[in-house]
Protein backbone atom coordinates (compact mmCIF):
# COMPACT_ATOMS: atom_id res chain seq x y z
CA HIS A 1 -71.15 -95.83 -29.56
CA THR A 2 -68.11 -97.02 -31.47
CA GLY A 3 -65.85 -97.52 -28.44
CA GLU A 4 -63.30 -94.95 -29.50
CA VAL A 5 -61.54 -93.09 -26.67
CA TYR A 6 -60.68 -89.42 -27.13
CA PRO A 7 -58.66 -87.17 -24.78
CA SER A 8 -61.60 -84.72 -24.69
CA GLY A 9 -64.81 -83.91 -26.47
CA PHE A 10 -63.03 -81.10 -28.30
CA LEU A 11 -59.98 -83.15 -29.39
CA PRO A 12 -61.19 -85.58 -32.05
CA VAL A 13 -58.12 -87.78 -32.15
CA SER A 14 -58.72 -91.39 -31.13
CA ALA A 15 -56.31 -92.96 -28.65
CA GLY A 16 -57.77 -96.44 -29.06
CA SER A 17 -60.94 -98.44 -28.68
CA VAL A 18 -62.45 -100.01 -25.55
CA ARG A 19 -63.68 -102.74 -27.85
CA LYS A 20 -60.09 -103.87 -28.30
CA GLU A 21 -58.43 -102.98 -24.96
CA SER A 22 -59.28 -101.66 -21.50
CA LEU A 23 -59.77 -97.99 -20.81
CA ALA A 24 -56.93 -98.09 -18.28
CA ALA A 25 -54.60 -99.63 -20.87
CA ILE A 26 -55.53 -96.97 -23.42
CA TYR A 27 -54.93 -94.17 -20.94
CA ARG A 28 -51.64 -95.59 -19.69
CA GLU A 29 -50.13 -97.00 -22.88
CA SER A 30 -51.48 -95.22 -25.95
CA GLU A 31 -48.93 -93.05 -27.73
CA LEU A 32 -51.40 -90.13 -27.85
CA PHE A 33 -51.94 -90.02 -24.08
CA LYS A 34 -48.20 -90.50 -23.43
CA LYS A 35 -47.42 -87.54 -25.65
CA LEU A 36 -50.13 -85.35 -24.16
CA ARG A 37 -48.82 -86.06 -20.63
CA ASN A 38 -45.24 -85.09 -21.59
CA PRO A 39 -44.79 -81.31 -21.32
CA ASP A 40 -41.32 -81.60 -22.90
CA LEU A 41 -43.04 -82.39 -26.25
CA LEU A 42 -45.03 -79.15 -26.36
CA GLU A 43 -44.06 -76.95 -29.29
CA GLY A 44 -43.78 -73.22 -29.89
CA LYS A 45 -44.24 -70.86 -26.97
CA CYS A 46 -45.96 -73.60 -24.90
CA GLY A 47 -42.72 -75.57 -25.08
CA ALA A 48 -40.79 -72.51 -23.87
CA CYS A 49 -43.28 -71.55 -21.17
CA PRO A 50 -42.28 -71.84 -17.51
CA TYR A 51 -45.88 -72.75 -16.66
CA LYS A 52 -46.14 -75.68 -19.10
CA THR A 53 -46.23 -78.30 -16.34
CA ILE A 54 -49.07 -76.44 -14.59
CA CYS A 55 -51.07 -75.14 -17.56
CA GLY A 56 -50.21 -77.09 -20.69
CA GLY A 57 -52.46 -74.90 -22.83
CA SER A 58 -55.48 -76.15 -24.66
CA ARG A 59 -54.42 -79.15 -26.68
CA ALA A 60 -57.84 -79.17 -28.38
CA ARG A 61 -57.48 -75.55 -29.50
CA ALA A 62 -53.89 -76.22 -30.70
CA TYR A 63 -55.24 -79.11 -32.75
CA ALA A 64 -58.13 -77.08 -34.15
CA PHE A 65 -55.79 -74.34 -35.34
CA SER A 66 -52.85 -76.44 -36.57
CA GLY A 67 -53.83 -80.09 -36.81
CA ASN A 68 -51.19 -80.83 -34.18
CA PRO A 69 -52.30 -81.32 -30.57
CA LEU A 70 -48.77 -80.54 -29.34
CA ALA A 71 -48.54 -77.17 -31.13
CA GLU A 72 -48.60 -73.92 -29.16
CA GLU A 73 -51.91 -72.72 -27.71
CA PRO A 74 -52.99 -70.15 -30.28
CA CYS A 75 -55.20 -68.04 -27.96
CA CYS A 76 -52.78 -67.68 -25.04
CA ALA A 77 -51.80 -64.09 -24.33
CA TYR A 78 -48.84 -65.02 -22.18
CA GLN A 79 -45.39 -64.56 -23.74
CA PRO A 80 -42.67 -66.66 -22.04
CA PRO A 81 -39.57 -64.67 -21.06
CA GLY A 82 -37.02 -64.73 -23.89
CA TYR A 83 -39.46 -66.15 -26.40
CA GLU A 84 -40.28 -64.09 -29.45
CA SER A 85 -42.87 -65.17 -31.96
CA ARG A 86 -42.37 -64.56 -35.68
CA SER A 87 -44.21 -61.58 -37.06
CA THR A 88 -46.13 -61.72 -40.30
CA SER A 89 -43.24 -59.95 -42.03
CA GLY A 90 -41.09 -62.98 -41.34
CA ASP A 91 -37.89 -61.08 -40.43
CA ARG A 92 -38.90 -59.17 -37.34
CA ALA A 93 -40.06 -60.46 -34.00
CA GLU A 94 -43.11 -58.95 -32.40
CA LYS A 95 -43.44 -58.49 -28.66
CA ALA A 96 -46.70 -59.90 -27.33
CA TYR A 97 -48.48 -58.77 -24.18
CA GLU A 98 -46.94 -60.35 -21.10
CA PRO A 99 -49.18 -60.34 -18.03
CA SER A 100 -47.55 -59.72 -14.63
CA HIS A 101 -47.38 -62.45 -12.02
CA ASN A 102 -50.30 -60.83 -10.15
CA GLU A 103 -52.43 -60.81 -13.32
CA MET A 104 -51.61 -64.50 -13.89
CA VAL A 105 -52.59 -65.39 -10.32
CA ALA A 106 -55.79 -63.29 -10.49
CA GLY A 107 -56.78 -65.12 -13.65
CA LEU A 108 -56.61 -68.45 -11.81
CA LYS A 109 -59.28 -67.47 -9.32
């Protein structure tokens, strides 16, 4: 093993190496972990989402799709109130499916 510390097995961005510093120091002090813990840095609809402090979306999936772990979760069906994504035409906004509160709660079980 090389000693590299990653946020998850599906997010291949190194936060540091345990060969150079402690695991606790990496988790507490690395810029990557600090950014991932800060929901105010989330972009796109994740940044506008009222559930961002509870959910946060998949940072690994965001990275896989965009190369940016703070980008919006590309597979999330939830559309935050007042947020409109850009359509492929570029000048119209498309309305995405917005699950009801009951559907959101049922999905958590």
